Amino acid sequence: MAPPELSLDQRRQLIDVQQRFEAWRVADKAFRESNKGSMTWKRVNGKEYLYRIVNRYTQKSLGPRTAETEKLKEDYMSSRTSQRARVTKMRKGLEMTAPVNRAMGLARVPRTAANVLRALDEDGLLGDGLFVVGTHALYAYEAKSGVIFEPDLLATRDLDLLADVRSRLVLAIDEKKRSGILASIRRTDKSFEVQGDLFRAVNADGYFVDLIRPMLKDEGAAGEYELGGLVPVGVDGLKWLVNAPRFDATVIGEDGLPVWMSCIDPRAFALHKYWVSTRDSRDPLKKHRDAVQASAVASVAQLLGLRFDTKELSSLPADLVANWRKIVRQS
């Protein structure tokens, strides 16, 4: 039986919200990037100087107080006020759509997951070394395809994040100095604490955020990849996914507000889930759900016009890609 799909009204509303959100997200990131810190006067040896202060470590003198530097500060403050007003107006427009999104059944992503993903996106980590790979990725596939997955396929109490521990993510964390993944997560809920295994943060409600990475050939000799308070655990088969195409989508959280998600391509998700379902080491209770998820997502990939026989899936085993039709036929 084919899964239900969004109605024309739901699709129209979702597309409108996605377009508004994408415009706000670009404007907000540009505003925050160009207006880091402040511009202020500082007295040095009895004279006033204009300083551009980015943070406690980065401060630059723009010259002594003159008509030119006064104009420079005035223009900076005027531009900052104007940009802030524009971003705020766009944000309020999105907030006004939230009750409508909820009433129309578009608010799909669990609140805790939505808040965590927003924080990671705001901090420039999501999509720059961190990707959603678990069940929550299905919300992104829904938003792009218009298909609505059955609740049994979506029910989960954890958010799985794949860390690409190659230089890009590690550098992104290093640049933040005192910040990182855990700091972003805890900004949404201070009850999140790291468990003894170090790859998992758990809040007071028992919601998990797991950080995983591809397993290395010699795990015993592997050094720890400390990424801002969490240490990703190696999992077999994830090397395929870290090299697979990316898939981005704007989804709607339970609060009715949009969320940007960066995930793994649905074809790679389906093939990997199918492979996991065939593993002897896999929990028998999870095997059937893995197989059903694989089938559902493979069908959505077809609906999106994504081909399983392209070179884009070269990171996955060729025999696994060749058997994609078997995955779709599963029940």
C-alpha atoms as a PDB file:
ATOM      1  CA  MET A   1       0.000   0.000   0.000  1.00  0.00           C
ATOM      2  CA  ALA A   2       1.336   3.418  -1.009  1.00  0.00           C
ATOM      3  CA  PRO A   3       2.001   5.822   1.894  1.00  0.00           C
ATOM      4  CA  PRO A   4      -0.245   8.899   2.238  1.00  0.00           C
ATOM      5  CA  GLU A   5       0.919  12.163   0.697  1.00  0.00           C
ATOM      6  CA  LEU A   6       0.534  15.833   1.517  1.00  0.00           C
ATOM      7  CA  SER A   7      -2.557  17.520   0.088  1.00  0.00           C
ATOM      8  CA  LEU A   8      -2.247  20.376  -2.386  1.00  0.00           C
ATOM      9  CA  ASP A   9      -2.974  22.887   0.395  1.00  0.00           C
ATOM     10  CA  GLN A  10      -0.316  21.323   2.627  1.00  0.00           C
ATOM     11  CA  ARG A  11       2.221  21.363  -0.194  1.00  0.00           C
ATOM     12  CA  ARG A  12       1.468  24.999  -0.976  1.00  0.00           C
ATOM     13  CA  GLN A  13       1.883  25.994   2.670  1.00  0.00           C
ATOM     14  CA  LEU A  14       5.087  23.971   3.096  1.00  0.00           C
ATOM     15  CA  ILE A  15       6.681  25.430  -0.029  1.00  0.00           C
ATOM     16  CA  ASP A  16       5.793  28.972   1.082  1.00  0.00           C
ATOM     17  CA  VAL A  17       7.274  28.431   4.542  1.00  0.00           C
ATOM     18  CA  GLN A  18      10.400  26.784   3.109  1.00  0.00           C
ATOM     19  CA  GLN A  19      11.011  29.734   0.804  1.00  0.00           C
ATOM     20  CA  ARG A  20      10.499  32.253   3.601  1.00  0.00           C
ATOM     21  CA  PHE A  21      12.771  30.317   5.931  1.00  0.00           C
ATOM     22  CA  GLU A  22      15.556  29.937   3.380  1.00  0.00           C
ATOM     23  CA  ALA A  23      15.500  33.708   2.790  1.00  0.00           C
ATOM     24  CA  TRP A  24      15.565  34.400   6.552  1.00  0.00           C
ATOM     25  CA  ARG A  25      18.323  31.841   7.177  1.00  0.00           C
ATOM     26  CA  VAL A  26      20.614  33.420   4.585  1.00  0.00           C
ATOM     27  CA  ALA A  27      19.895  36.928   5.906  1.00  0.00           C
ATOM     28  CA  ASP A  28      20.368  35.880   9.541  1.00  0.00           C
ATOM     29  CA  LYS A  29      23.703  34.170   8.885  1.00  0.00           C
ATOM     30  CA  ALA A  30      24.928  37.171   6.900  1.00  0.00           C
ATOM     31  CA  PHE A  31      23.854  39.552   9.677  1.00  0.00           C
ATOM     32  CA  ARG A  32      25.562  37.559  12.421  1.00  0.00           C
ATOM     33  CA  GLU A  33      28.733  37.098  10.375  1.00  0.00           C
ATOM     34  CA  SER A  34      29.089  40.766   9.449  1.00  0.00           C
ATOM     35  CA  ASN A  35      28.137  42.083  12.886  1.00  0.00           C
ATOM     36  CA  LYS A  36      30.229  39.956  15.217  1.00  0.00           C
ATOM     37  CA  GLY A  37      31.268  41.894  18.287  1.00  0.00           C
ATOM     38  CA  SER A  38      30.963  45.682  18.398  1.00  0.00           C
ATOM     39  CA  MET A  39      32.556  49.012  17.510  1.00  0.00           C
ATOM     40  CA  THR A  40      33.388  51.338  20.381  1.00  0.00           C
ATOM     41  CA  TRP A  41      35.635  54.156  21.575  1.00  0.00           C
ATOM     42  CA  LYS A  42      38.574  53.382  23.872  1.00  0.00           C
ATOM     43  CA  ARG A  43      40.825  55.883  25.604  1.00  0.00           C
ATOM     44  CA  VAL A  44      44.529  55.142  25.162  1.00  0.00           C
ATOM     45  CA  ASN A  45      47.201  57.500  26.560  1.00  0.00           C
ATOM     46  CA  GLY A  46      44.694  60.290  26.926  1.00  0.00           C
ATOM     47  CA  LYS A  47      43.312  60.010  23.364  1.00  0.00           C
ATOM     48  CA  GLU A  48      40.158  58.273  22.087  1.00  0.00           C
ATOM     49  CA  TYR A  49      40.459  55.589  19.425  1.00  0.00           C
ATOM     50  CA  LEU A  50      37.764  53.683  17.541  1.00  0.00           C
ATOM     51  CA  TYR A  51      38.082  49.942  18.047  1.00  0.00           C
ATOM     52  CA  ARG A  52      36.458  47.052  16.204  1.00  0.00           C
ATOM     53  CA  ILE A  53      36.001  44.345  18.830  1.00  0.00           C
ATOM     54  CA  VAL A  54      35.156  40.848  17.565  1.00  0.00           C
ATOM     55  CA  ASN A  55      35.866  39.037  20.845  1.00  0.00           C
ATOM     56  CA  ARG A  56      38.223  39.299  23.802  1.00  0.00           C
ATOM     57  CA  TYR A  57      41.065  37.981  21.638  1.00  0.00           C
ATOM     58  CA  THR A  58      40.414  40.027  18.485  1.00  0.00           C
ATOM     59  CA  GLN A  59      40.410  43.818  18.806  1.00  0.00           C
ATOM     60  CA  LYS A  60      41.599  46.216  16.131  1.00  0.00           C
ATOM     61  CA  SER A  61      42.139  49.974  16.270  1.00  0.00           C
ATOM     62  CA  LEU A  62      40.536  51.873  13.386  1.00  0.00           C
ATOM     63  CA  GLY A  63      42.271  55.135  14.239  1.00  0.00           C
ATOM     64  CA  PRO A  64      41.961  58.153  16.558  1.00  0.00           C
ATOM     65  CA  ARG A  65      38.675  60.001  16.973  1.00  0.00           C
ATOM     66  CA  THR A  66      38.144  62.217  13.944  1.00  0.00           C
ATOM     67  CA  ALA A  67      35.238  63.245  11.757  1.00  0.00           C
ATOM     68  CA  GLU A  68      36.032  60.253   9.532  1.00  0.00           C
ATOM     69  CA  THR A  69      36.052  57.642  12.328  1.00  0.00           C
ATOM     70  CA  GLU A  70      32.902  59.162  13.856  1.00  0.00           C
ATOM     71  CA  LYS A  71      31.204  58.770  10.467  1.00  0.00           C
ATOM     72  CA  LEU A  72      32.535  55.203  10.228  1.00  0.00           C
ATOM     73  CA  LYS A  73      30.992  54.286  13.584  1.00  0.00           C
ATOM     74  CA  GLU A  74      27.733  56.051  12.744  1.00  0.00           C
ATOM     75  CA  ASP A  75      27.422  54.168   9.428  1.00  0.00           C
ATOM     76  CA  TYR A  76      28.236  50.876  11.133  1.00  0.00           C
ATOM     77  CA  MET A  77      25.569  51.349  13.816  1.00  0.00           C
ATOM     78  CA  SER A  78      23.000  52.525  11.267  1.00  0.00           C
ATOM     79  CA  SER A  79      23.633  49.533   9.001  1.00  0.00           C
ATOM     80  CA  ARG A  80      23.538  47.135  11.961  1.00  0.00           C
ATOM     81  CA  THR A  81      20.204  48.545  13.160  1.00  0.00           C
ATOM     82  CA  SER A  82      18.715  48.334   9.668  1.00  0.00           C
ATOM     83  CA  GLN A  83      19.888  44.750   9.098  1.00  0.00           C
ATOM     84  CA  ARG A  84      18.653  43.651  12.539  1.00  0.00           C
ATOM     85  CA  ALA A  85      15.224  45.172  11.856  1.00  0.00           C
ATOM     86  CA  ARG A  86      14.989  43.331   8.538  1.00  0.00           C
ATOM     87  CA  VAL A  87      16.006  39.965  10.010  1.00  0.00           C
ATOM     88  CA  THR A  88      13.627  40.445  12.955  1.00  0.00           C
ATOM     89  CA  LYS A  89      10.718  41.259  10.637  1.00  0.00           C
ATOM     90  CA  MET A  90      11.413  38.145   8.564  1.00  0.00           C
ATOM     91  CA  ARG A  91      11.601  36.031  11.726  1.00  0.00           C
ATOM     92  CA  LYS A  92       8.268  37.369  13.004  1.00  0.00           C
ATOM     93  CA  GLY A  93       6.722  36.478   9.665  1.00  0.00           C
ATOM     94  CA  LEU A  94       7.865  32.878  10.128  1.00  0.00           C
ATOM     95  CA  GLU A  95       6.551  32.814  13.704  1.00  0.00           C
ATOM     96  CA  MET A  96       3.135  33.912  12.435  1.00  0.00           C
ATOM     97  CA  THR A  97       2.988  30.811  10.216  1.00  0.00           C
ATOM     98  CA  ALA A  98       3.684  28.419  13.121  1.00  0.00           C
ATOM     99  CA  PRO A  99       0.034  27.971  14.278  1.00  0.00           C
ATOM    100  CA  VAL A 100      -1.030  27.387  10.666  1.00  0.00           C
ATOM    101  CA  ASN A 101       1.723  24.815  10.143  1.00  0.00           C
ATOM    102  CA  ARG A 102       0.637  22.945  13.259  1.00  0.00           C
ATOM    103  CA  ALA A 103      -3.051  23.073  12.318  1.00  0.00           C
ATOM    104  CA  MET A 104      -2.283  21.726   8.837  1.00  0.00           C
ATOM    105  CA  GLY A 105      -0.309  18.752  10.181  1.00  0.00           C
ATOM    106  CA  LEU A 106       3.063  19.942   8.882  1.00  0.00           C
ATOM    107  CA  ALA A 107       4.769  20.118  12.299  1.00  0.00           C
ATOM    108  CA  ARG A 108       6.585  16.786  12.191  1.00  0.00           C
ATOM    109  CA  VAL A 109      10.033  16.919  13.824  1.00  0.00           C
ATOM    110  CA  PRO A 110      10.070  16.234  17.591  1.00  0.00           C
ATOM    111  CA  ARG A 111      10.691  19.411  19.583  1.00  0.00           C
ATOM    112  CA  THR A 112      13.958  18.321  21.234  1.00  0.00           C
ATOM    113  CA  ALA A 113      15.510  17.179  17.957  1.00  0.00           C
ATOM    114  CA  ALA A 114      14.365  20.359  16.208  1.00  0.00           C
ATOM    115  CA  ASN A 115      15.954  22.566  18.865  1.00  0.00           C
ATOM    116  CA  VAL A 116      19.254  20.654  18.775  1.00  0.00           C
ATOM    117  CA  LEU A 117      19.436  20.823  14.974  1.00  0.00           C
ATOM    118  CA  ARG A 118      18.691  24.564  15.000  1.00  0.00           C
ATOM    119  CA  ALA A 119      21.521  25.171  17.468  1.00  0.00           C
ATOM    120  CA  LEU A 120      23.993  23.102  15.461  1.00  0.00           C
ATOM    121  CA  ASP A 121      22.991  24.935  12.292  1.00  0.00           C
ATOM    122  CA  GLU A 122      23.307  28.342  13.966  1.00  0.00           C
ATOM    123  CA  ASP A 123      26.795  27.428  15.143  1.00  0.00           C
ATOM    124  CA  GLY A 124      27.836  26.378  11.638  1.00  0.00           C
ATOM    125  CA  LEU A 125      28.346  22.712  12.493  1.00  0.00           C
ATOM    126  CA  LEU A 126      25.413  20.982  10.807  1.00  0.00           C
ATOM    127  CA  GLY A 127      26.290  20.229   7.211  1.00  0.00           C
ATOM    128  CA  ASP A 128      29.937  21.119   7.844  1.00  0.00           C
ATOM    129  CA  GLY A 129      31.038  17.800   9.251  1.00  0.00           C
ATOM    130  CA  LEU A 130      27.834  16.738  11.046  1.00  0.00           C
ATOM    131  CA  PHE A 131      24.947  14.990   9.307  1.00  0.00           C
ATOM    132  CA  VAL A 132      21.697  13.352  10.379  1.00  0.00           C
ATOM    133  CA  VAL A 133      21.845   9.636   9.557  1.00  0.00           C
ATOM    134  CA  GLY A 134      19.255   7.933  11.751  1.00  0.00           C
ATOM    135  CA  THR A 135      15.477   7.799  11.731  1.00  0.00           C
ATOM    136  CA  HIS A 136      15.149  11.583  11.954  1.00  0.00           C
ATOM    137  CA  ALA A 137      16.452  11.811   8.378  1.00  0.00           C
ATOM    138  CA  LEU A 138      13.054  10.507   7.257  1.00  0.00           C
ATOM    139  CA  TYR A 139      11.543  13.906   8.066  1.00  0.00           C
ATOM    140  CA  ALA A 140      13.821  15.474   5.456  1.00  0.00           C
ATOM    141  CA  TYR A 141      12.838  12.858   2.889  1.00  0.00           C
ATOM    142  CA  GLU A 142       9.177  13.593   3.672  1.00  0.00           C
ATOM    143  CA  ALA A 143       9.625  17.329   3.205  1.00  0.00           C
ATOM    144  CA  LYS A 144      11.215  16.926  -0.229  1.00  0.00           C
ATOM    145  CA  SER A 145       8.883  14.219  -1.548  1.00  0.00           C
ATOM    146  CA  GLY A 146       5.512  15.105  -0.034  1.00  0.00           C
ATOM    147  CA  VAL A 147       5.168  11.554   1.318  1.00  0.00           C
ATOM    148  CA  ILE A 148       4.072  11.028   4.931  1.00  0.00           C
ATOM    149  CA  PHE A 149       5.787   8.088   6.623  1.00  0.00           C
ATOM    150  CA  GLU A 150       3.828   5.906   9.033  1.00  0.00           C
ATOM    151  CA  PRO A 151       4.347   6.754  12.744  1.00  0.00           C
ATOM    152  CA  ASP A 152       5.904   3.334  13.441  1.00  0.00           C
ATOM    153  CA  LEU A 153       8.775   4.164  11.090  1.00  0.00           C
ATOM    154  CA  LEU A 154       9.465   7.473  12.826  1.00  0.00           C
ATOM    155  CA  ALA A 155       9.158   6.664  16.518  1.00  0.00           C
ATOM    156  CA  THR A 156      12.513   7.129  18.220  1.00  0.00           C
ATOM    157  CA  ARG A 157      14.005   8.697  21.331  1.00  0.00           C
ATOM    158  CA  ASP A 158      17.421   9.477  19.945  1.00  0.00           C
ATOM    159  CA  LEU A 159      19.055  11.666  17.313  1.00  0.00           C
ATOM    160  CA  ASP A 160      21.966  10.085  15.430  1.00  0.00           C
ATOM    161  CA  LEU A 161      24.617  12.452  14.091  1.00  0.00           C
ATOM    162  CA  LEU A 162      27.368  11.246  11.778  1.00  0.00           C
ATOM    163  CA  ALA A 163      30.693  13.040  12.321  1.00  0.00           C
ATOM    164  CA  ASP A 164      33.077  13.327   9.409  1.00  0.00           C
ATOM    165  CA  VAL A 165      36.270  13.332  11.461  1.00  0.00           C
ATOM    166  CA  ARG A 166      38.415  14.351   8.543  1.00  0.00           C
ATOM    167  CA  SER A 167      40.007  17.783   8.855  1.00  0.00           C
ATOM    168  CA  ARG A 168      36.999  19.968   8.064  1.00  0.00           C
ATOM    169  CA  LEU A 169      34.946  19.230  11.187  1.00  0.00           C
ATOM    170  CA  VAL A 170      37.948  19.073  13.488  1.00  0.00           C
ATOM    171  CA  LEU A 171      39.073  22.493  12.240  1.00  0.00           C
ATOM    172  CA  ALA A 172      35.557  23.886  12.663  1.00  0.00           C
ATOM    173  CA  ILE A 173      35.585  22.795  16.303  1.00  0.00           C
ATOM    174  CA  ASP A 174      39.117  24.091  16.908  1.00  0.00           C
ATOM    175  CA  GLU A 175      38.183  27.503  15.568  1.00  0.00           C
ATOM    176  CA  LYS A 176      35.441  27.797  18.182  1.00  0.00           C
ATOM    177  CA  LYS A 177      37.958  27.414  21.012  1.00  0.00           C
ATOM    178  CA  ARG A 178      35.695  27.148  24.061  1.00  0.00           C
ATOM    179  CA  SER A 179      32.632  25.960  22.132  1.00  0.00           C
ATOM    180  CA  GLY A 180      31.691  22.785  20.290  1.00  0.00           C
ATOM    181  CA  ILE A 181      29.004  20.189  19.763  1.00  0.00           C
ATOM    182  CA  LEU A 182      28.087  19.661  23.409  1.00  0.00           C
ATOM    183  CA  ALA A 183      27.921  23.424  24.036  1.00  0.00           C
ATOM    184  CA  SER A 184      25.478  23.772  21.136  1.00  0.00           C
ATOM    185  CA  ILE A 185      23.308  20.933  22.431  1.00  0.00           C
ATOM    186  CA  ARG A 186      23.285  22.219  26.006  1.00  0.00           C
ATOM    187  CA  ARG A 187      22.247  25.661  24.858  1.00  0.00           C
ATOM    188  CA  THR A 188      18.861  24.119  23.987  1.00  0.00           C
ATOM    189  CA  ASP A 189      18.535  22.197  27.257  1.00  0.00           C
ATOM    190  CA  LYS A 190      21.013  22.481  30.121  1.00  0.00           C
ATOM    191  CA  SER A 191      19.984  19.059  31.442  1.00  0.00           C
ATOM    192  CA  PHE A 192      21.950  17.359  28.633  1.00  0.00           C
ATOM    193  CA  GLU A 193      24.912  15.523  30.137  1.00  0.00           C
ATOM    194  CA  VAL A 194      27.547  13.255  28.627  1.00  0.00           C
ATOM    195  CA  GLN A 195      27.276   9.603  29.578  1.00  0.00           C
ATOM    196  CA  GLY A 196      30.275   7.504  30.569  1.00  0.00           C
ATOM    197  CA  ASP A 197      30.708   6.205  27.015  1.00  0.00           C
ATOM    198  CA  LEU A 198      31.369   9.818  25.885  1.00  0.00           C
ATOM    199  CA  PHE A 199      29.586   9.573  22.500  1.00  0.00           C
ATOM    200  CA  ARG A 200      26.111  10.139  23.952  1.00  0.00           C
ATOM    201  CA  ALA A 201      24.472  13.194  25.542  1.00  0.00           C
ATOM    202  CA  VAL A 202      21.245  12.540  27.466  1.00  0.00           C
ATOM    203  CA  ASN A 203      18.764  15.050  28.877  1.00  0.00           C
ATOM    204  CA  ALA A 204      16.510  14.794  31.929  1.00  0.00           C
ATOM    205  CA  ASP A 205      13.698  13.337  29.787  1.00  0.00           C
ATOM    206  CA  GLY A 206      15.900  10.480  28.600  1.00  0.00           C
ATOM    207  CA  TYR A 207      16.358  11.825  25.066  1.00  0.00           C
ATOM    208  CA  PHE A 208      19.671  10.778  23.467  1.00  0.00           C
ATOM    209  CA  VAL A 209      21.932  12.593  21.017  1.00  0.00           C
ATOM    210  CA  ASP A 210      24.468  10.080  19.701  1.00  0.00           C
ATOM    211  CA  LEU A 211      27.644  11.059  17.869  1.00  0.00           C
ATOM    212  CA  ILE A 212      28.989   8.334  15.570  1.00  0.00           C
ATOM    213  CA  ARG A 213      31.782   8.037  13.013  1.00  0.00           C
ATOM    214  CA  PRO A 214      33.124   5.466  10.520  1.00  0.00           C
ATOM    215  CA  MET A 215      34.974   2.599  12.161  1.00  0.00           C
ATOM    216  CA  LEU A 216      38.707   2.542  11.431  1.00  0.00           C
ATOM    217  CA  LYS A 217      40.636  -0.515  10.281  1.00  0.00           C
ATOM    218  CA  ASP A 218      42.562  -0.507  13.554  1.00  0.00           C
ATOM    219  CA  GLU A 219      40.213   0.853  16.222  1.00  0.00           C
ATOM    220  CA  GLY A 220      42.639  -0.115  18.960  1.00  0.00           C
ATOM    221  CA  ALA A 221      45.250   2.264  17.603  1.00  0.00           C
ATOM    222  CA  ALA A 222      42.790   5.062  16.891  1.00  0.00           C
ATOM    223  CA  GLY A 223      43.179   8.246  18.856  1.00  0.00           C
ATOM    224  CA  GLU A 224      40.151   9.908  20.392  1.00  0.00           C
ATOM    225  CA  TYR A 225      38.380  12.496  18.264  1.00  0.00           C
ATOM    226  CA  GLU A 226      37.213  14.893  20.967  1.00  0.00           C
ATOM    227  CA  LEU A 227      34.731  17.180  19.238  1.00  0.00           C
ATOM    228  CA  GLY A 228      33.628  19.805  21.668  1.00  0.00           C
ATOM    229  CA  GLY A 229      32.716  17.648  24.662  1.00  0.00           C
ATOM    230  CA  LEU A 230      31.687  14.463  22.838  1.00  0.00           C
ATOM    231  CA  VAL A 231      33.817  11.653  21.413  1.00  0.00           C
ATOM    232  CA  PRO A 232      32.212   9.921  18.392  1.00  0.00           C
ATOM    233  CA  VAL A 233      32.105   6.136  18.513  1.00  0.00           C
ATOM    234  CA  GLY A 234      33.184   4.047  15.530  1.00  0.00           C
ATOM    235  CA  VAL A 235      30.410   2.096  13.779  1.00  0.00           C
ATOM    236  CA  ASP A 236      30.871  -0.432  10.978  1.00  0.00           C
ATOM    237  CA  GLY A 237      29.549   0.564   7.550  1.00  0.00           C
ATOM    238  CA  LEU A 238      29.558   4.312   8.111  1.00  0.00           C
ATOM    239  CA  LYS A 239      32.498   4.865   5.762  1.00  0.00           C
ATOM    240  CA  TRP A 240      29.994   4.345   2.952  1.00  0.00           C
ATOM    241  CA  LEU A 241      27.765   7.063   4.330  1.00  0.00           C
ATOM    242  CA  VAL A 242      30.424   9.657   5.094  1.00  0.00           C
ATOM    243  CA  ASN A 243      31.395   9.517   1.408  1.00  0.00           C
ATOM    244  CA  ALA A 244      27.825   9.413   0.094  1.00  0.00           C
ATOM    245  CA  PRO A 245      26.032  12.418  -1.447  1.00  0.00           C
ATOM    246  CA  ARG A 246      24.413  14.900   0.937  1.00  0.00           C
ATOM    247  CA  PHE A 247      20.726  15.720   1.105  1.00  0.00           C
ATOM    248  CA  ASP A 248      19.377  18.956   2.577  1.00  0.00           C
ATOM    249  CA  ALA A 249      15.786  19.930   3.363  1.00  0.00           C
ATOM    250  CA  THR A 250      13.776  22.443   5.368  1.00  0.00           C
ATOM    251  CA  VAL A 251      11.339  20.624   7.659  1.00  0.00           C
ATOM    252  CA  ILE A 252       8.866  21.801  10.310  1.00  0.00           C
ATOM    253  CA  GLY A 253       9.334  21.186  14.038  1.00  0.00           C
ATOM    254  CA  GLU A 254       6.567  20.333  16.490  1.00  0.00           C
ATOM    255  CA  ASP A 255       6.502  23.993  17.493  1.00  0.00           C
ATOM    256  CA  GLY A 256       5.478  24.895  13.935  1.00  0.00           C
ATOM    257  CA  LEU A 257       8.778  26.601  13.104  1.00  0.00           C
ATOM    258  CA  PRO A 258      11.132  25.518  10.301  1.00  0.00           C
ATOM    259  CA  VAL A 259      14.323  23.503  10.795  1.00  0.00           C
ATOM    260  CA  TRP A 260      17.167  23.034   8.315  1.00  0.00           C
ATOM    261  CA  MET A 261      18.446  19.464   8.093  1.00  0.00           C
ATOM    262  CA  SER A 262      21.555  18.113   6.385  1.00  0.00           C
ATOM    263  CA  CYS A 263      21.320  14.362   5.905  1.00  0.00           C
ATOM    264  CA  ILE A 264      22.589  11.448   3.911  1.00  0.00           C
ATOM    265  CA  ASP A 265      21.180  10.854   0.425  1.00  0.00           C
ATOM    266  CA  PRO A 266      18.004   8.696   0.703  1.00  0.00           C
ATOM    267  CA  ARG A 267      19.464   6.068  -1.645  1.00  0.00           C
ATOM    268  CA  ALA A 268      22.472   5.626   0.620  1.00  0.00           C
ATOM    269  CA  PHE A 269      20.184   5.592   3.674  1.00  0.00           C
ATOM    270  CA  ALA A 270      18.019   2.835   2.153  1.00  0.00           C
ATOM    271  CA  LEU A 271      20.938   0.686   1.041  1.00  0.00           C
ATOM    272  CA  HIS A 272      22.711   1.018   4.375  1.00  0.00           C
ATOM    273  CA  LYS A 273      19.546   0.253   6.358  1.00  0.00           C
ATOM    274  CA  TYR A 274      18.986  -2.859   4.256  1.00  0.00           C
ATOM    275  CA  TRP A 275      22.573  -3.966   4.849  1.00  0.00           C
ATOM    276  CA  VAL A 276      22.158  -3.410   8.609  1.00  0.00           C
ATOM    277  CA  SER A 277      18.962  -5.512   8.573  1.00  0.00           C
ATOM    278  CA  THR A 278      20.922  -8.474   7.184  1.00  0.00           C
ATOM    279  CA  ARG A 279      23.658  -8.395   9.825  1.00  0.00           C
ATOM    280  CA  ASP A 280      23.703 -11.320  12.262  1.00  0.00           C
ATOM    281  CA  SER A 281      24.881  -8.993  15.024  1.00  0.00           C
ATOM    282  CA  ARG A 282      21.835  -6.721  14.646  1.00  0.00           C
ATOM    283  CA  ASP A 283      19.201  -6.819  17.388  1.00  0.00           C
ATOM    284  CA  PRO A 284      16.416  -9.113  16.018  1.00  0.00           C
ATOM    285  CA  LEU A 285      13.766  -6.677  17.271  1.00  0.00           C
ATOM    286  CA  LYS A 286      15.264  -3.920  15.113  1.00  0.00           C
ATOM    287  CA  LYS A 287      15.901  -5.934  11.955  1.00  0.00           C
ATOM    288  CA  HIS A 288      12.345  -5.830  10.613  1.00  0.00           C
ATOM    289  CA  ARG A 289      12.032  -2.087  11.217  1.00  0.00           C
ATOM    290  CA  ASP A 290      15.364  -1.529   9.458  1.00  0.00           C
ATOM    291  CA  ALA A 291      14.136  -3.468   6.435  1.00  0.00           C
ATOM    292  CA  VAL A 292      10.809  -1.622   6.293  1.00  0.00           C
ATOM    293  CA  GLN A 293      12.545   1.752   6.606  1.00  0.00           C
ATOM    294  CA  ALA A 294      14.924   0.749   3.807  1.00  0.00           C
ATOM    295  CA  SER A 295      12.034  -0.160   1.531  1.00  0.00           C
ATOM    296  CA  ALA A 296      10.047   3.010   2.306  1.00  0.00           C
ATOM    297  CA  VAL A 297      12.998   5.337   1.776  1.00  0.00           C
ATOM    298  CA  ALA A 298      14.077   3.545  -1.424  1.00  0.00           C
ATOM    299  CA  SER A 299      10.582   4.131  -2.810  1.00  0.00           C
ATOM    300  CA  VAL A 300      10.784   7.822  -1.898  1.00  0.00           C
ATOM    301  CA  ALA A 301      14.166   8.077  -3.637  1.00  0.00           C
ATOM    302  CA  GLN A 302      12.503   6.792  -6.795  1.00  0.00           C
ATOM    303  CA  LEU A 303       9.681   9.289  -6.352  1.00  0.00           C
ATOM    304  CA  LEU A 304      12.305  12.054  -6.200  1.00  0.00           C
ATOM    305  CA  GLY A 305      13.787  10.820  -9.469  1.00  0.00           C
ATOM    306  CA  LEU A 306      17.041   9.619  -7.907  1.00  0.00           C
ATOM    307  CA  ARG A 307      18.656   6.733  -9.775  1.00  0.00           C
ATOM    308  CA  PHE A 308      20.343   3.848  -7.978  1.00  0.00           C
ATOM    309  CA  ASP A 309      22.725   3.067 -10.806  1.00  0.00           C
ATOM    310  CA  THR A 310      24.642   6.327 -10.870  1.00  0.00           C
ATOM    311  CA  LYS A 311      28.282   6.934 -10.069  1.00  0.00           C
ATOM    312  CA  GLU A 312      27.141   9.058  -7.124  1.00  0.00           C
ATOM    313  CA  LEU A 313      26.759   5.840  -5.092  1.00  0.00           C
ATOM    314  CA  SER A 314      30.259   4.587  -5.857  1.00  0.00           C
ATOM    315  CA  SER A 315      31.182   4.744  -2.155  1.00  0.00           C
ATOM    316  CA  LEU A 316      28.784   1.855  -1.436  1.00  0.00           C
ATOM    317  CA  PRO A 317      29.479  -1.806  -2.351  1.00  0.00           C
ATOM    318  CA  ALA A 318      28.558  -2.412  -5.994  1.00  0.00           C
ATOM    319  CA  ASP A 319      26.640  -5.626  -5.226  1.00  0.00           C
ATOM    320  CA  LEU A 320      24.539  -3.783  -2.643  1.00  0.00           C
ATOM    321  CA  VAL A 321      23.641  -1.030  -5.125  1.00  0.00           C
ATOM    322  CA  ALA A 322      22.854  -3.632  -7.796  1.00  0.00           C
ATOM    323  CA  ASN A 323      20.213  -5.237  -5.536  1.00  0.00           C
ATOM    324  CA  TRP A 324      18.239  -2.028  -4.897  1.00  0.00           C
ATOM    325  CA  ARG A 325      15.083  -3.472  -6.500  1.00  0.00           C
ATOM    326  CA  LYS A 326      15.017  -6.200  -3.847  1.00  0.00           C
ATOM    327  CA  ILE A 327      14.961  -3.480  -1.198  1.00  0.00           C
ATOM    328  CA  VAL A 328      11.950  -1.752  -2.745  1.00  0.00           C
ATOM    329  CA  ARG A 329      10.016  -5.030  -2.955  1.00  0.00           C
ATOM    330  CA  GLN A 330      10.441  -5.736   0.766  1.00  0.00           C
ATOM    331  CA  SER A 331       7.480  -5.374   3.125  1.00  0.00           C
END
